[in-house]
Amino acid sequence: MRDPHHPEPSEVSLSRVLTVLGDPVRLGVVRLLADGRERGWGELRAPVAKSTLSHHLKTLRDAGLTRTRQEGTRCYVRLRREEFDARFPGLLETLLTLAAAEGVGEDVTAGE
């Protein structure tokens, strides 16, 4: 992975964010990362193929929701929560609460 593009918060649009988070796997990844921990891509478990999960992670990054960091051959991802909350106050917390209440994305987990 070359230097991935991370959009500035001012470049992030509400319609793009809502479209991206309309997918249960991506919303599950965001729910998992909402604890503030950076996770290695290899730790993430989802009910999709690894290549599909990689696509979902790229989509989240391109939408401005996550930041990806490469260290050697490993990639790490974290939620850009502070930046997101500053751009769209209360939105993420509301979406996470509703997703948890409906069980959306609960099959996305972290393992070793």
PDB file of N, CA and C in Angstrom:
ATOM      1  N   MET A   1       0.844  -1.175   0.000  1.00  0.00           N
ATOM      2  CA  MET A   1       0.000   0.000   0.000  1.00  0.00           C
ATOM      3  C   MET A   1       0.885   1.232   0.000  1.00  0.00           C
ATOM      4  N   ARG A   2       0.655   2.086  -0.948  1.00  0.00           N
ATOM      5  CA  ARG A   2       1.352   3.364  -0.959  1.00  0.00           C
ATOM      6  C   ARG A   2       0.652   4.297   0.005  1.00  0.00           C
ATOM      7  N   ASP A   3       1.160   5.510   0.115  1.00  0.00           N
ATOM      8  CA  ASP A   3       0.541   6.471   1.014  1.00  0.00           C
ATOM      9  C   ASP A   3      -0.937   6.610   0.675  1.00  0.00           C
ATOM     10  N   PRO A   4      -1.806   6.080   1.532  1.00  0.00           N
ATOM     11  CA  PRO A   4      -3.235   6.171   1.229  1.00  0.00           C
ATOM     12  C   PRO A   4      -3.747   7.591   1.434  1.00  0.00           C
ATOM     13  N   HIS A   5      -4.744   7.956   0.649  1.00  0.00           N
ATOM     14  CA  HIS A   5      -5.346   9.277   0.778  1.00  0.00           C
ATOM     15  C   HIS A   5      -6.318   9.273   1.951  1.00  0.00           C
ATOM     16  N   HIS A   6      -6.157  10.226   2.842  1.00  0.00           N
ATOM     17  CA  HIS A   6      -7.082  10.438   3.949  1.00  0.00           C
ATOM     18  C   HIS A   6      -7.676  11.831   3.763  1.00  0.00           C
ATOM     19  N   PRO A   7      -8.945  11.917   3.398  1.00  0.00           N
ATOM     20  CA  PRO A   7      -9.527  13.228   3.145  1.00  0.00           C
ATOM     21  C   PRO A   7      -9.511  14.114   4.386  1.00  0.00           C
ATOM     22  N   GLU A   8      -9.378  15.399   4.169  1.00  0.00           N
ATOM     23  CA  GLU A   8      -9.494  16.366   5.254  1.00  0.00           C
ATOM     24  C   GLU A   8     -10.947  16.355   5.734  1.00  0.00           C
ATOM     25  N   PRO A   9     -11.187  16.630   7.012  1.00  0.00           N
ATOM     26  CA  PRO A   9     -12.571  16.637   7.502  1.00  0.00           C
ATOM     27  C   PRO A   9     -13.500  17.520   6.677  1.00  0.00           C
ATOM     28  N   SER A  10     -13.009  18.641   6.186  1.00  0.00           N
ATOM     29  CA  SER A  10     -13.856  19.540   5.394  1.00  0.00           C
ATOM     30  C   SER A  10     -14.253  18.921   4.050  1.00  0.00           C
ATOM     31  N   GLU A  11     -13.527  17.890   3.594  1.00  0.00           N
ATOM     32  CA  GLU A  11     -13.832  17.214   2.335  1.00  0.00           C
ATOM     33  C   GLU A  11     -14.872  16.108   2.503  1.00  0.00           C
ATOM     34  N   VAL A  12     -15.184  15.751   3.743  1.00  0.00           N
ATOM     35  CA  VAL A  12     -16.085  14.638   4.022  1.00  0.00           C
ATOM     36  C   VAL A  12     -17.526  15.126   3.937  1.00  0.00           C
ATOM     37  N   SER A  13     -18.320  14.464   3.095  1.00  0.00           N
ATOM     38  CA  SER A  13     -19.714  14.880   2.938  1.00  0.00           C
ATOM     39  C   SER A  13     -20.640  13.939   3.716  1.00  0.00           C
ATOM     40  N   LEU A  14     -21.713  14.512   4.215  1.00  0.00           N
ATOM     41  CA  LEU A  14     -22.687  13.735   4.976  1.00  0.00           C
ATOM     42  C   LEU A  14     -23.307  12.639   4.120  1.00  0.00           C
ATOM     43  N   SER A  15     -23.638  12.946   2.890  1.00  0.00           N
ATOM     44  CA  SER A  15     -24.266  11.935   2.037  1.00  0.00           C
ATOM     45  C   SER A  15     -23.337  10.755   1.794  1.00  0.00           C
ATOM     46  N   ARG A  16     -22.051  11.018   1.606  1.00  0.00           N
ATOM     47  CA  ARG A  16     -21.075   9.929   1.407  1.00  0.00           C
ATOM     48  C   ARG A  16     -20.972   9.070   2.659  1.00  0.00           C
ATOM     49  N   VAL A  17     -20.888   9.713   3.826  1.00  0.00           N
ATOM     50  CA  VAL A  17     -20.781   8.978   5.092  1.00  0.00           C
ATOM     51  C   VAL A  17     -21.997   8.086   5.294  1.00  0.00           C
ATOM     52  N   LEU A  18     -23.186   8.629   5.077  1.00  0.00           N
ATOM     53  CA  LEU A  18     -24.400   7.836   5.275  1.00  0.00           C
ATOM     54  C   LEU A  18     -24.487   6.683   4.282  1.00  0.00           C
ATOM     55  N   THR A  19     -24.049   6.909   3.056  1.00  0.00           N
ATOM     56  CA  THR A  19     -24.031   5.836   2.062  1.00  0.00           C
ATOM     57  C   THR A  19     -23.075   4.725   2.493  1.00  0.00           C
ATOM     58  N   VAL A  20     -21.881   5.115   2.912  1.00  0.00           N
ATOM     59  CA  VAL A  20     -20.864   4.141   3.331  1.00  0.00           C
ATOM     60  C   VAL A  20     -21.332   3.348   4.544  1.00  0.00           C
ATOM     61  N   LEU A  21     -21.934   4.020   5.503  1.00  0.00           N
ATOM     62  CA  LEU A  21     -22.370   3.342   6.729  1.00  0.00           C
ATOM     63  C   LEU A  21     -23.682   2.595   6.558  1.00  0.00           C
ATOM     64  N   GLY A  22     -24.252   2.634   5.356  1.00  0.00           N
ATOM     65  CA  GLY A  22     -25.447   1.857   5.078  1.00  0.00           C
ATOM     66  C   GLY A  22     -25.157   0.373   4.913  1.00  0.00           C
ATOM     67  N   ASP A  23     -23.896   0.018   4.806  1.00  0.00           N
ATOM     68  CA  ASP A  23     -23.510  -1.389   4.679  1.00  0.00           C
ATOM     69  C   ASP A  23     -23.269  -1.968   6.078  1.00  0.00           C
ATOM     70  N   PRO A  24     -23.891  -3.098   6.428  1.00  0.00           N
ATOM     71  CA  PRO A  24     -23.749  -3.647   7.775  1.00  0.00           C
ATOM     72  C   PRO A  24     -22.320  -4.053   8.151  1.00  0.00           C
ATOM     73  N   VAL A  25     -21.535  -4.504   7.189  1.00  0.00           N
ATOM     74  CA  VAL A  25     -20.148  -4.871   7.508  1.00  0.00           C
ATOM     75  C   VAL A  25     -19.343  -3.616   7.842  1.00  0.00           C
ATOM     76  N   ARG A  26     -19.493  -2.582   7.043  1.00  0.00           N
ATOM     77  CA  ARG A  26     -18.756  -1.344   7.325  1.00  0.00           C
ATOM     78  C   ARG A  26     -19.211  -0.728   8.643  1.00  0.00           C
ATOM     79  N   LEU A  27     -20.505  -0.752   8.903  1.00  0.00           N
ATOM     80  CA  LEU A  27     -20.999  -0.232  10.180  1.00  0.00           C
ATOM     81  C   LEU A  27     -20.467  -1.078  11.330  1.00  0.00           C
ATOM     82  N   GLY A  28     -20.343  -2.379  11.109  1.00  0.00           N
ATOM     83  CA  GLY A  28     -19.763  -3.253  12.123  1.00  0.00           C
ATOM     84  C   GLY A  28     -18.305  -2.929  12.394  1.00  0.00           C
ATOM     85  N   VAL A  29     -17.551  -2.615  11.361  1.00  0.00           N
ATOM     86  CA  VAL A  29     -16.145  -2.222  11.541  1.00  0.00           C
ATOM     87  C   VAL A  29     -16.080  -0.938  12.358  1.00  0.00           C
ATOM     88  N   VAL A  30     -16.937   0.018  12.041  1.00  0.00           N
ATOM     89  CA  VAL A  30     -16.962   1.276  12.795  1.00  0.00           C
ATOM     90  C   VAL A  30     -17.359   1.015  14.246  1.00  0.00           C
ATOM     91  N   ARG A  31     -18.342   0.153  14.468  1.00  0.00           N
ATOM     92  CA  ARG A  31     -18.725  -0.197  15.852  1.00  0.00           C
ATOM     93  C   ARG A  31     -17.525  -0.779  16.599  1.00  0.00           C
ATOM     94  N   LEU A  32     -16.791  -1.646  15.945  1.00  0.00           N
ATOM     95  CA  LEU A  32     -15.631  -2.279  16.576  1.00  0.00           C
ATOM     96  C   LEU A  32     -14.543  -1.256  16.898  1.00  0.00           C
ATOM     97  N   LEU A  33     -14.296  -0.353  15.959  1.00  0.00           N
ATOM     98  CA  LEU A  33     -13.239   0.641  16.145  1.00  0.00           C
ATOM     99  C   LEU A  33     -13.653   1.796  17.058  1.00  0.00           C
ATOM    100  N   ALA A  34     -14.917   1.866  17.405  1.00  0.00           N
ATOM    101  CA  ALA A  34     -15.417   2.973  18.234  1.00  0.00           C
ATOM    102  C   ALA A  34     -14.822   2.969  19.642  1.00  0.00           C
ATOM    103  N   ASP A  35     -14.180   1.867  20.024  1.00  0.00           N
ATOM    104  CA  ASP A  35     -13.546   1.832  21.351  1.00  0.00           C
ATOM    105  C   ASP A  35     -12.244   2.624  21.384  1.00  0.00           C
ATOM    106  N   GLY A  36     -11.825   3.145  20.219  1.00  0.00           N
ATOM    107  CA  GLY A  36     -10.635   3.985  20.161  1.00  0.00           C
ATOM    108  C   GLY A  36      -9.336   3.243  19.904  1.00  0.00           C
ATOM    109  N   ARG A  37      -9.371   1.926  19.895  1.00  0.00           N
ATOM    110  CA  ARG A  37      -8.159   1.141  19.655  1.00  0.00           C
ATOM    111  C   ARG A  37      -7.836   1.061  18.171  1.00  0.00           C
ATOM    112  N   GLU A  38      -6.549   1.108  17.890  1.00  0.00           N
ATOM    113  CA  GLU A  38      -6.071   0.849  16.534  1.00  0.00           C
ATOM    114  C   GLU A  38      -5.973  -0.658  16.399  1.00  0.00           C
ATOM    115  N   ARG A  39      -6.427  -1.176  15.263  1.00  0.00           N
ATOM    116  CA  ARG A  39      -6.403  -2.618  15.057  1.00  0.00           C
ATOM    117  C   ARG A  39      -5.679  -2.945  13.758  1.00  0.00           C
ATOM    118  N   GLY A  40      -4.959  -4.054  13.783  1.00  0.00           N
ATOM    119  CA  GLY A  40      -4.351  -4.562  12.565  1.00  0.00           C
ATOM    120  C   GLY A  40      -5.412  -5.180  11.684  1.00  0.00           C
ATOM    121  N   TRP A  41      -5.239  -5.028  10.372  1.00  0.00           N
ATOM    122  CA  TRP A  41      -6.226  -5.588   9.459  1.00  0.00           C
ATOM    123  C   TRP A  41      -6.395  -7.087   9.687  1.00  0.00           C
ATOM    124  N   GLY A  42      -5.314  -7.764  10.018  1.00  0.00           N
ATOM    125  CA  GLY A  42      -5.377  -9.203  10.242  1.00  0.00           C
ATOM    126  C   GLY A  42      -6.171  -9.604  11.470  1.00  0.00           C
ATOM    127  N   GLU A  43      -6.421  -8.674  12.372  1.00  0.00           N
ATOM    128  CA  GLU A  43      -7.220  -8.957  13.576  1.00  0.00           C
ATOM    129  C   GLU A  43      -8.712  -8.957  13.292  1.00  0.00           C
ATOM    130  N   LEU A  44      -9.119  -8.295  12.224  1.00  0.00           N
ATOM    131  CA  LEU A  44     -10.542  -8.107  11.960  1.00  0.00           C
ATOM    132  C   LEU A  44     -11.167  -9.374  11.385  1.00  0.00           C
ATOM    133  N   ARG A  45     -12.322  -9.723  11.948  1.00  0.00           N
ATOM    134  CA  ARG A  45     -13.070 -10.891  11.493  1.00  0.00           C
ATOM    135  C   ARG A  45     -14.454 -10.426  11.070  1.00  0.00           C
ATOM    136  N   ALA A  46     -14.843 -10.791   9.857  1.00  0.00           N
ATOM    137  CA  ALA A  46     -16.149 -10.407   9.331  1.00  0.00           C
ATOM    138  C   ALA A  46     -16.675 -11.544   8.462  1.00  0.00           C
ATOM    139  N   PRO A  47     -17.990 -11.598   8.247  1.00  0.00           N
ATOM    140  CA  PRO A  47     -18.575 -12.691   7.461  1.00  0.00           C
ATOM    141  C   PRO A  47     -18.440 -12.469   5.950  1.00  0.00           C
ATOM    142  N   VAL A  48     -17.256 -12.016   5.544  1.00  0.00           N
ATOM    143  CA  VAL A  48     -16.963 -11.799   4.122  1.00  0.00           C
ATOM    144  C   VAL A  48     -15.539 -12.281   3.855  1.00  0.00           C
ATOM    145  N   ALA A  49     -15.222 -12.434   2.588  1.00  0.00           N
ATOM    146  CA  ALA A  49     -13.862 -12.827   2.204  1.00  0.00           C
ATOM    147  C   ALA A  49     -12.890 -11.715   2.596  1.00  0.00           C
ATOM    148  N   LYS A  50     -11.625 -12.069   2.786  1.00  0.00           N
ATOM    149  CA  LYS A  50     -10.615 -11.076   3.166  1.00  0.00           C
ATOM    150  C   LYS A  50     -10.506  -9.964   2.127  1.00  0.00           C
ATOM    151  N   SER A  51     -10.616 -10.324   0.865  1.00  0.00           N
ATOM    152  CA  SER A  51     -10.536  -9.297  -0.178  1.00  0.00           C
ATOM    153  C   SER A  51     -11.717  -8.333  -0.088  1.00  0.00           C
ATOM    154  N   THR A  52     -12.876  -8.845   0.269  1.00  0.00           N
ATOM    155  CA  THR A  52     -14.051  -7.986   0.428  1.00  0.00           C
ATOM    156  C   THR A  52     -13.898  -7.094   1.649  1.00  0.00           C
ATOM    157  N   LEU A  53     -13.365  -7.650   2.726  1.00  0.00           N
ATOM    158  CA  LEU A  53     -13.121  -6.844   3.926  1.00  0.00           C
ATOM    159  C   LEU A  53     -12.119  -5.737   3.617  1.00  0.00           C
ATOM    160  N   SER A  54     -11.097  -6.049   2.841  1.00  0.00           N
ATOM    161  CA  SER A  54     -10.123  -5.045   2.430  1.00  0.00           C
ATOM    162  C   SER A  54     -10.801  -3.921   1.646  1.00  0.00           C
ATOM    163  N   HIS A  55     -11.725  -4.288   0.781  1.00  0.00           N
ATOM    164  CA  HIS A  55     -12.486  -3.289   0.024  1.00  0.00           C
ATOM    165  C   HIS A  55     -13.306  -2.404   0.979  1.00  0.00           C
ATOM    166  N   HIS A  56     -13.939  -3.005   1.958  1.00  0.00           N
ATOM    167  CA  HIS A  56     -14.720  -2.240   2.932  1.00  0.00           C
ATOM    168  C   HIS A  56     -13.822  -1.271   3.713  1.00  0.00           C
ATOM    169  N   LEU A  57     -12.640  -1.726   4.096  1.00  0.00           N
ATOM    170  CA  LEU A  57     -11.715  -0.854   4.828  1.00  0.00           C
ATOM    171  C   LEU A  57     -11.266   0.320   3.959  1.00  0.00           C
ATOM    172  N   LYS A  58     -11.018   0.062   2.695  1.00  0.00           N
ATOM    173  CA  LYS A  58     -10.640   1.145   1.776  1.00  0.00           C
ATOM    174  C   LYS A  58     -11.795   2.126   1.609  1.00  0.00           C
ATOM    175  N   THR A  59     -12.996   1.622   1.514  1.00  0.00           N
ATOM    176  CA  THR A  59     -14.173   2.483   1.374  1.00  0.00           C
ATOM    177  C   THR A  59     -14.339   3.380   2.595  1.00  0.00           C
ATOM    178  N   LEU A  60     -14.154   2.819   3.790  1.00  0.00           N
ATOM    179  CA  LEU A  60     -14.236   3.615   5.018  1.00  0.00           C
ATOM    180  C   LEU A  60     -13.161   4.696   5.044  1.00  0.00           C
ATOM    181  N   ARG A  61     -11.955   4.336   4.619  1.00  0.00           N
ATOM    182  CA  ARG A  61     -10.849   5.309   4.581  1.00  0.00           C
ATOM    183  C   ARG A  61     -11.144   6.418   3.572  1.00  0.00           C
ATOM    184  N   ASP A  62     -11.562   6.042   2.383  1.00  0.00           N
ATOM    185  CA  ASP A  62     -11.838   7.030   1.337  1.00  0.00           C
ATOM    186  C   ASP A  62     -12.965   7.980   1.727  1.00  0.00           C
ATOM    187  N   ALA A  63     -13.895   7.511   2.566  1.00  0.00           N
ATOM    188  CA  ALA A  63     -15.002   8.347   3.025  1.00  0.00           C
ATOM    189  C   ALA A  63     -14.590   9.240   4.193  1.00  0.00           C
ATOM    190  N   GLY A  64     -13.371   9.048   4.706  1.00  0.00           N
ATOM    191  CA  GLY A  64     -12.883   9.894   5.783  1.00  0.00           C
ATOM    192  C   GLY A  64     -13.193   9.398   7.174  1.00  0.00           C
ATOM    193  N   LEU A  65     -13.707   8.171   7.296  1.00  0.00           N
ATOM    194  CA  LEU A  65     -14.078   7.651   8.607  1.00  0.00           C
ATOM    195  C   LEU A  65     -12.930   7.006   9.366  1.00  0.00           C
ATOM    196  N   THR A  66     -11.964   6.468   8.631  1.00  0.00           N
ATOM    197  CA  THR A  66     -10.852   5.779   9.283  1.00  0.00           C
ATOM    198  C   THR A  66      -9.521   6.313   8.773  1.00  0.00           C
ATOM    199  N   ARG A  67      -8.491   6.008   9.528  1.00  0.00           N
ATOM    200  CA  ARG A  67      -7.122   6.335   9.125  1.00  0.00           C
ATOM    201  C   ARG A  67      -6.366   5.013   9.099  1.00  0.00           C
ATOM    202  N   THR A  68      -5.650   4.791   8.008  1.00  0.00           N
ATOM    203  CA  THR A  68      -4.857   3.582   7.832  1.00  0.00           C
ATOM    204  C   THR A  68      -3.380   3.932   7.955  1.00  0.00           C
ATOM    205  N   ARG A  69      -2.666   3.074   8.674  1.00  0.00           N
ATOM    206  CA  ARG A  69      -1.227   3.266   8.857  1.00  0.00           C
ATOM    207  C   ARG A  69      -0.536   1.963   8.503  1.00  0.00           C
ATOM    208  N   GLN A  70       0.533   2.075   7.718  1.00  0.00           N
ATOM    209  CA  GLN A  70       1.297   0.893   7.356  1.00  0.00           C
ATOM    210  C   GLN A  70       2.586   0.879   8.154  1.00  0.00           C
ATOM    211  N   GLU A  71       2.916  -0.301   8.656  1.00  0.00           N
ATOM    212  CA  GLU A  71       4.165  -0.512   9.392  1.00  0.00           C
ATOM    213  C   GLU A  71       4.779  -1.787   8.842  1.00  0.00           C
ATOM    214  N   GLY A  72       5.785  -1.623   8.014  1.00  0.00           N
ATOM    215  CA  GLY A  72       6.360  -2.788   7.342  1.00  0.00           C
ATOM    216  C   GLY A  72       5.332  -3.385   6.407  1.00  0.00           C
ATOM    217  N   THR A  73       5.029  -4.665   6.600  1.00  0.00           N
ATOM    218  CA  THR A  73       4.045  -5.331   5.751  1.00  0.00           C
ATOM    219  C   THR A  73       2.656  -5.346   6.378  1.00  0.00           C
ATOM    220  N   ARG A  74       2.522  -4.772   7.554  1.00  0.00           N
ATOM    221  CA  ARG A  74       1.234  -4.776   8.258  1.00  0.00           C
ATOM    222  C   ARG A  74       0.529  -3.437   8.123  1.00  0.00           C
ATOM    223  N   CYS A  75      -0.796  -3.512   8.069  1.00  0.00           N
ATOM    224  CA  CYS A  75      -1.621  -2.306   8.017  1.00  0.00           C
ATOM    225  C   CYS A  75      -2.483  -2.241   9.271  1.00  0.00           C
ATOM    226  N   TYR A  76      -2.646  -1.048   9.765  1.00  0.00           N
ATOM    227  CA  TYR A  76      -3.439  -0.801  10.962  1.00  0.00           C
ATOM    228  C   TYR A  76      -4.497   0.237  10.643  1.00  0.00           C
ATOM    229  N   VAL A  77      -5.623   0.125  11.315  1.00  0.00           N
ATOM    230  CA  VAL A  77      -6.735   1.039  11.068  1.00  0.00           C
ATOM    231  C   VAL A  77      -7.292   1.527  12.402  1.00  0.00           C
ATOM    232  N   ARG A  78      -7.724   2.786  12.392  1.00  0.00           N
ATOM    233  CA  ARG A  78      -8.391   3.352  13.568  1.00  0.00           C
ATOM    234  C   ARG A  78      -9.491   4.282  13.077  1.00  0.00           C
ATOM    235  N   LEU A  79     -10.460   4.495  13.931  1.00  0.00           N
ATOM    236  CA  LEU A  79     -11.557   5.395  13.628  1.00  0.00           C
ATOM    237  C   LEU A  79     -11.107   6.830  13.855  1.00  0.00           C
ATOM    238  N   ARG A  80     -11.443   7.722  12.964  1.00  0.00           N
ATOM    239  CA  ARG A  80     -11.106   9.144  13.104  1.00  0.00           C
ATOM    240  C   ARG A  80     -12.234   9.834  13.882  1.00  0.00           C
ATOM    241  N   ARG A  81     -12.458   9.363  15.070  1.00  0.00           N
ATOM    242  CA  ARG A  81     -13.635   9.769  15.841  1.00  0.00           C
ATOM    243  C   ARG A  81     -13.648  11.256  16.180  1.00  0.00           C
ATOM    244  N   GLU A  82     -12.553  11.777  16.689  1.00  0.00           N
ATOM    245  CA  GLU A  82     -12.535  13.191  17.063  1.00  0.00           C
ATOM    246  C   GLU A  82     -12.814  14.085  15.869  1.00  0.00           C
ATOM    247  N   GLU A  83     -12.178  13.771  14.751  1.00  0.00           N
ATOM    248  CA  GLU A  83     -12.389  14.565  13.538  1.00  0.00           C
ATOM    249  C   GLU A  83     -13.832  14.435  13.040  1.00  0.00           C
ATOM    250  N   PHE A  84     -14.351  13.209  13.110  1.00  0.00           N
ATOM    251  CA  PHE A  84     -15.720  12.961  12.657  1.00  0.00           C
ATOM    252  C   PHE A  84     -16.725  13.686  13.561  1.00  0.00           C
ATOM    253  N   ASP A  85     -16.520  13.584  14.871  1.00  0.00           N
ATOM    254  CA  ASP A  85     -17.427  14.245  15.816  1.00  0.00           C
ATOM    255  C   ASP A  85     -17.387  15.760  15.673  1.00  0.00           C
ATOM    256  N   ALA A  86     -16.233  16.308  15.339  1.00  0.00           N
ATOM    257  CA  ALA A  86     -16.142  17.757  15.133  1.00  0.00           C
ATOM    258  C   ALA A  86     -16.908  18.169  13.870  1.00  0.00           C
ATOM    259  N   ARG A  87     -16.856  17.333  12.847  1.00  0.00           N
ATOM    260  CA  ARG A  87     -17.525  17.653  11.574  1.00  0.00           C
ATOM    261  C   ARG A  87     -19.037  17.431  11.664  1.00  0.00           C
ATOM    262  N   PHE A  88     -19.442  16.320  12.316  1.00  0.00           N
ATOM    263  CA  PHE A  88     -20.856  15.948  12.424  1.00  0.00           C
ATOM    264  C   PHE A  88     -21.187  15.621  13.882  1.00  0.00           C
ATOM    265  N   PRO A  89     -21.330  16.625  14.728  1.00  0.00           N
ATOM    266  CA  PRO A  89     -21.546  16.393  16.160  1.00  0.00           C
ATOM    267  C   PRO A  89     -22.765  15.504  16.436  1.00  0.00           C
ATOM    268  N   GLY A  90     -22.528  14.465  17.226  1.00  0.00           N
ATOM    269  CA  GLY A  90     -23.603  13.575  17.662  1.00  0.00           C
ATOM    270  C   GLY A  90     -24.010  12.504  16.673  1.00  0.00           C
ATOM    271  N   LEU A  91     -23.614  12.625  15.425  1.00  0.00           N
ATOM    272  CA  LEU A  91     -24.059  11.672  14.408  1.00  0.00           C
ATOM    273  C   LEU A  91     -23.527  10.271  14.664  1.00  0.00           C
ATOM    274  N   LEU A  92     -22.244  10.154  14.898  1.00  0.00           N
ATOM    275  CA  LEU A  92     -21.648   8.830  15.086  1.00  0.00           C
ATOM    276  C   LEU A  92     -22.237   8.136  16.310  1.00  0.00           C
ATOM    277  N   GLU A  93     -22.364   8.850  17.405  1.00  0.00           N
ATOM    278  CA  GLU A  93     -22.920   8.243  18.623  1.00  0.00           C
ATOM    279  C   GLU A  93     -24.347   7.755  18.385  1.00  0.00           C
ATOM    280  N   THR A  94     -25.129   8.542  17.669  1.00  0.00           N
ATOM    281  CA  THR A  94     -26.502   8.142  17.355  1.00  0.00           C
ATOM    282  C   THR A  94     -26.519   6.890  16.488  1.00  0.00           C
ATOM    283  N   LEU A  95     -25.698   6.874  15.444  1.00  0.00           N
ATOM    284  CA  LEU A  95     -25.642   5.705  14.567  1.00  0.00           C
ATOM    285  C   LEU A  95     -25.179   4.456  15.309  1.00  0.00           C
ATOM    286  N   LEU A  96     -24.184   4.608  16.183  1.00  0.00           N
ATOM    287  CA  LEU A  96     -23.681   3.466  16.952  1.00  0.00           C
ATOM    288  C   LEU A  96     -24.736   2.937  17.916  1.00  0.00           C
ATOM    289  N   THR A  97     -25.467   3.827  18.546  1.00  0.00           N
ATOM    290  CA  THR A  97     -26.528   3.423  19.476  1.00  0.00           C
ATOM    291  C   THR A  97     -27.622   2.663  18.743  1.00  0.00           C
ATOM    292  N   LEU A  98     -28.060   3.192  17.609  1.00  0.00           N
ATOM    293  CA  LEU A  98     -29.105   2.533  16.827  1.00  0.00           C
ATOM    294  C   LEU A  98     -28.628   1.194  16.270  1.00  0.00           C
ATOM    295  N   ALA A  99     -27.392   1.142  15.800  1.00  0.00           N
ATOM    296  CA  ALA A  99     -26.846  -0.106  15.256  1.00  0.00           C
ATOM    297  C   ALA A  99     -26.770  -1.171  16.344  1.00  0.00           C
ATOM    298  N   ALA A 100     -26.335  -0.782  17.538  1.00  0.00           N
ATOM    299  CA  ALA A 100     -26.256  -1.738  18.651  1.00  0.00           C
ATOM    300  C   ALA A 100     -27.645  -2.245  19.025  1.00  0.00           C
ATOM    301  N   ALA A 101     -28.630  -1.351  19.054  1.00  0.00           N
ATOM    302  CA  ALA A 101     -29.993  -1.744  19.414  1.00  0.00           C
ATOM    303  C   ALA A 101     -30.576  -2.745  18.417  1.00  0.00           C
ATOM    304  N   GLU A 102     -30.189  -2.620  17.159  1.00  0.00           N
ATOM    305  CA  GLU A 102     -30.694  -3.527  16.125  1.00  0.00           C
ATOM    306  C   GLU A 102     -29.754  -4.696  15.836  1.00  0.00           C
ATOM    307  N   GLY A 103     -28.570  -4.701  16.465  1.00  0.00           N
ATOM    308  CA  GLY A 103     -27.617  -5.772  16.246  1.00  0.00           C
ATOM    309  C   GLY A 103     -26.894  -5.692  14.914  1.00  0.00           C
ATOM    310  N   VAL A 104     -26.930  -4.540  14.272  1.00  0.00           N
ATOM    311  CA  VAL A 104     -26.280  -4.373  12.969  1.00  0.00           C
ATOM    312  C   VAL A 104     -24.768  -4.389  13.140  1.00  0.00           C
ATOM    313  N   GLY A 105     -24.110  -5.256  12.406  1.00  0.00           N
ATOM    314  CA  GLY A 105     -22.660  -5.325  12.427  1.00  0.00           C
ATOM    315  C   GLY A 105     -22.058  -6.082  13.581  1.00  0.00           C
ATOM    316  N   GLU A 106     -22.881  -6.763  14.366  1.00  0.00           N
ATOM    317  CA  GLU A 106     -22.333  -7.452  15.533  1.00  0.00           C
ATOM    318  C   GLU A 106     -21.485  -8.673  15.175  1.00  0.00           C
ATOM    319  N   ASP A 107     -21.560  -9.103  13.929  1.00  0.00           N
ATOM    320  CA  ASP A 107     -20.746 -10.241  13.500  1.00  0.00           C
ATOM    321  C   ASP A 107     -19.351  -9.827  13.052  1.00  0.00           C
ATOM    322  N   VAL A 108     -19.030  -8.548  13.165  1.00  0.00           N
ATOM    323  CA  VAL A 108     -17.667  -8.073  12.911  1.00  0.00           C
ATOM    324  C   VAL A 108     -16.950  -8.023  14.255  1.00  0.00           C
ATOM    325  N   THR A 109     -15.862  -8.767  14.366  1.00  0.00           N
ATOM    326  CA  THR A 109     -15.145  -8.897  15.645  1.00  0.00           C
ATOM    327  C   THR A 109     -13.641  -8.748  15.413  1.00  0.00           C
ATOM    328  N   ALA A 110     -12.916  -8.779  16.515  1.00  0.00           N
ATOM    329  CA  ALA A 110     -11.452  -8.745  16.448  1.00  0.00           C
ATOM    330  C   ALA A 110     -10.923 -10.013  17.088  1.00  0.00           C
ATOM    331  N   GLY A 111      -9.962 -10.617  16.458  1.00  0.00           N
ATOM    332  CA  GLY A 111      -9.322 -11.809  16.976  1.00  0.00           C
ATOM    333  C   GLY A 111      -7.827 -11.722  16.742  1.00  0.00           C
ATOM    334  N   GLU A 112      -7.121 -12.642  17.270  1.00  0.00           N
ATOM    335  CA  GLU A 112      -5.654 -12.638  17.083  1.00  0.00           C
ATOM    336  C   GLU A 112      -5.271 -13.524  15.944  1.00  0.00           C
TER     337      GLU A 112
END
